[in-house]
């Protein structure tokens, strides 16, 4: 999803939304641009936010423990070479199929709706 703002603004929007939601917790923010700069390398602004809801994610991992490699959920906010800022995340259907998750449609739908909503907020569409 394309953002109407720069990476910093887009990241702030989604962080504020996560922190304002009692059901979500922000676990980490990874600034890949800063990490690259620490070893004298250049990288366009690239930030990953790691967040989740243990009440939602735990039952999913109980049904397929390998899902832990993909949870908590992540949003990638990055600036492309042309200056366009995009917000990206892994589709929950893809993740469920990858790990053979079965009979968890309600939880997966909730996670999908949350990711879609947070991406829209980051992009300035909500």
Protein backbone atom coordinates (compact mmCIF):
# COMPACT_ATOMS: atom_id res chain seq x y z
CA UNK A 1 0.00 0.00 0.00
CA UNK A 2 1.41 3.40 -0.94
CA UNK A 3 1.71 6.02 1.80
CA UNK A 4 0.95 9.71 1.42
CA UNK A 5 3.87 10.61 3.72
CA UNK A 6 7.50 9.86 4.44
CA UNK A 7 8.68 6.78 6.34
CA UNK A 8 9.06 8.62 9.66
CA UNK A 9 5.49 9.94 9.59
CA UNK A 10 4.07 6.62 8.41
CA UNK A 11 5.89 4.73 11.18
CA UNK A 12 4.70 7.22 13.80
CA UNK A 13 1.10 6.82 12.69
CA UNK A 14 1.14 3.06 13.04
CA UNK A 15 3.07 3.14 16.33
CA UNK A 16 0.49 5.53 17.76
CA UNK A 17 -2.32 3.25 16.56
CA UNK A 18 -0.69 0.17 18.12
CA UNK A 19 0.04 1.95 21.39
CA UNK A 20 -3.55 3.24 21.48
CA UNK A 21 -5.00 -0.27 21.13
CA UNK A 22 -5.24 -2.23 24.39
CA UNK A 23 -5.29 -5.50 22.41
CA UNK A 24 -1.92 -4.88 20.73
CA UNK A 25 1.61 -4.54 21.95
CA UNK A 26 4.62 -3.14 20.09
CA UNK A 27 7.48 -5.60 20.60
CA UNK A 28 10.17 -4.04 18.42
CA UNK A 29 11.05 -1.39 15.90
CA UNK A 30 13.88 -2.27 13.53
CA UNK A 31 15.44 0.66 11.69
CA UNK A 32 17.38 -1.05 8.90
CA UNK A 33 18.62 2.27 7.52
CA UNK A 34 20.27 3.09 10.86
CA UNK A 35 21.68 -0.43 11.12
CA UNK A 36 23.19 -0.10 7.64
CA UNK A 37 24.68 3.30 8.54
CA UNK A 38 26.33 1.74 11.60
CA UNK A 39 28.55 -0.26 9.21
CA UNK A 40 29.05 2.59 6.72
CA UNK A 41 26.48 1.29 4.24
CA UNK A 42 23.62 3.16 2.61
CA UNK A 43 20.04 1.95 2.62
CA UNK A 44 16.86 3.82 1.81
CA UNK A 45 14.64 4.38 4.88
CA UNK A 46 13.38 0.91 5.87
CA UNK A 47 11.63 0.21 9.17
CA UNK A 48 9.95 -2.95 10.43
CA UNK A 49 7.46 -2.78 13.29
CA UNK A 50 6.88 -6.02 15.22
CA UNK A 51 3.63 -6.19 17.16
CA UNK A 52 0.99 -8.61 18.29
CA UNK A 53 -1.74 -9.84 20.54
CA UNK A 54 -0.77 -12.91 22.61
CA UNK A 55 -4.42 -13.77 23.19
CA UNK A 56 -4.86 -14.08 19.43
CA UNK A 57 -1.45 -15.47 18.48
CA UNK A 58 -1.05 -18.12 21.15
CA UNK A 59 -3.97 -20.30 19.98
CA UNK A 60 -2.65 -20.01 16.43
CA UNK A 61 0.78 -21.21 17.52
CA UNK A 62 -0.84 -23.98 19.54
CA UNK A 63 -2.36 -25.25 16.29
CA UNK A 64 0.95 -24.98 14.39
CA UNK A 65 4.07 -24.21 16.41
CA UNK A 66 6.14 -23.36 13.34
CA UNK A 67 3.94 -20.28 13.05
CA UNK A 68 6.16 -18.78 15.74
CA UNK A 69 8.68 -17.91 13.01
CA UNK A 70 6.09 -15.53 11.51
CA UNK A 71 4.58 -14.20 14.73
CA UNK A 72 4.35 -11.60 16.10
CA UNK A 73 3.06 -9.81 13.04
CA UNK A 74 5.20 -7.31 11.17
CA UNK A 75 4.68 -4.20 9.04
CA UNK A 76 7.41 -2.99 6.71
CA UNK A 77 7.51 0.73 5.92
CA UNK A 78 10.09 1.62 3.28
CA UNK A 79 11.07 4.26 0.78
CA UNK A 80 11.58 2.98 -2.74
CA UNK A 81 14.28 4.30 -5.08
CA UNK A 82 11.73 6.67 -6.70
CA UNK A 83 10.83 8.18 -3.29
CA UNK A 84 7.51 6.37 -3.00
CA UNK A 85 6.82 5.11 0.54
CA UNK A 86 5.07 1.77 0.84
CA UNK A 87 3.59 -0.22 3.71
CA UNK A 88 3.80 -4.01 3.34
CA UNK A 89 2.83 -7.06 5.37
CA UNK A 90 2.46 -10.80 4.88
CA UNK A 91 -1.07 -11.92 4.12
CA UNK A 92 -2.49 -14.13 6.87
CA UNK A 93 -3.80 -16.64 4.30
CA UNK A 94 -0.25 -17.10 3.00
CA UNK A 95 1.08 -17.54 6.53
CA UNK A 96 -1.69 -20.02 7.46
CA UNK A 97 -1.08 -22.09 4.33
CA UNK A 98 2.67 -22.01 4.88
CA UNK A 99 2.26 -23.56 8.33
CA UNK A 100 -0.78 -25.76 7.74
CA UNK A 101 -2.99 -23.79 10.12
CA UNK A 102 -6.47 -25.25 10.11
CA UNK A 103 -9.79 -24.32 11.72
CA UNK A 104 -8.63 -20.87 12.82
CA UNK A 105 -10.57 -18.71 10.36
CA UNK A 106 -11.96 -16.29 12.93
CA UNK A 107 -8.53 -15.58 14.43
CA UNK A 108 -6.92 -15.30 11.01
CA UNK A 109 -9.65 -12.91 9.85
CA UNK A 110 -9.10 -10.76 12.95
CA UNK A 111 -5.35 -10.66 12.30
CA UNK A 112 -5.93 -9.85 8.62
CA UNK A 113 -8.33 -7.03 9.46
CA UNK A 114 -5.87 -5.61 11.99
CA UNK A 115 -2.97 -5.68 9.53
CA UNK A 116 -5.06 -4.08 6.80
CA UNK A 117 -6.29 -1.37 9.16
CA UNK A 118 -2.81 -0.58 10.51
CA UNK A 119 -1.37 -0.43 6.99
CA UNK A 120 -4.14 1.99 5.99
CA UNK A 121 -3.40 4.15 9.04
CA UNK A 122 0.32 4.16 8.25
CA UNK A 123 -0.43 5.10 4.65
CA UNK A 124 -2.72 7.95 5.70
CA UNK A 125 -5.89 6.36 4.39
CA UNK A 126 -7.71 6.21 7.74
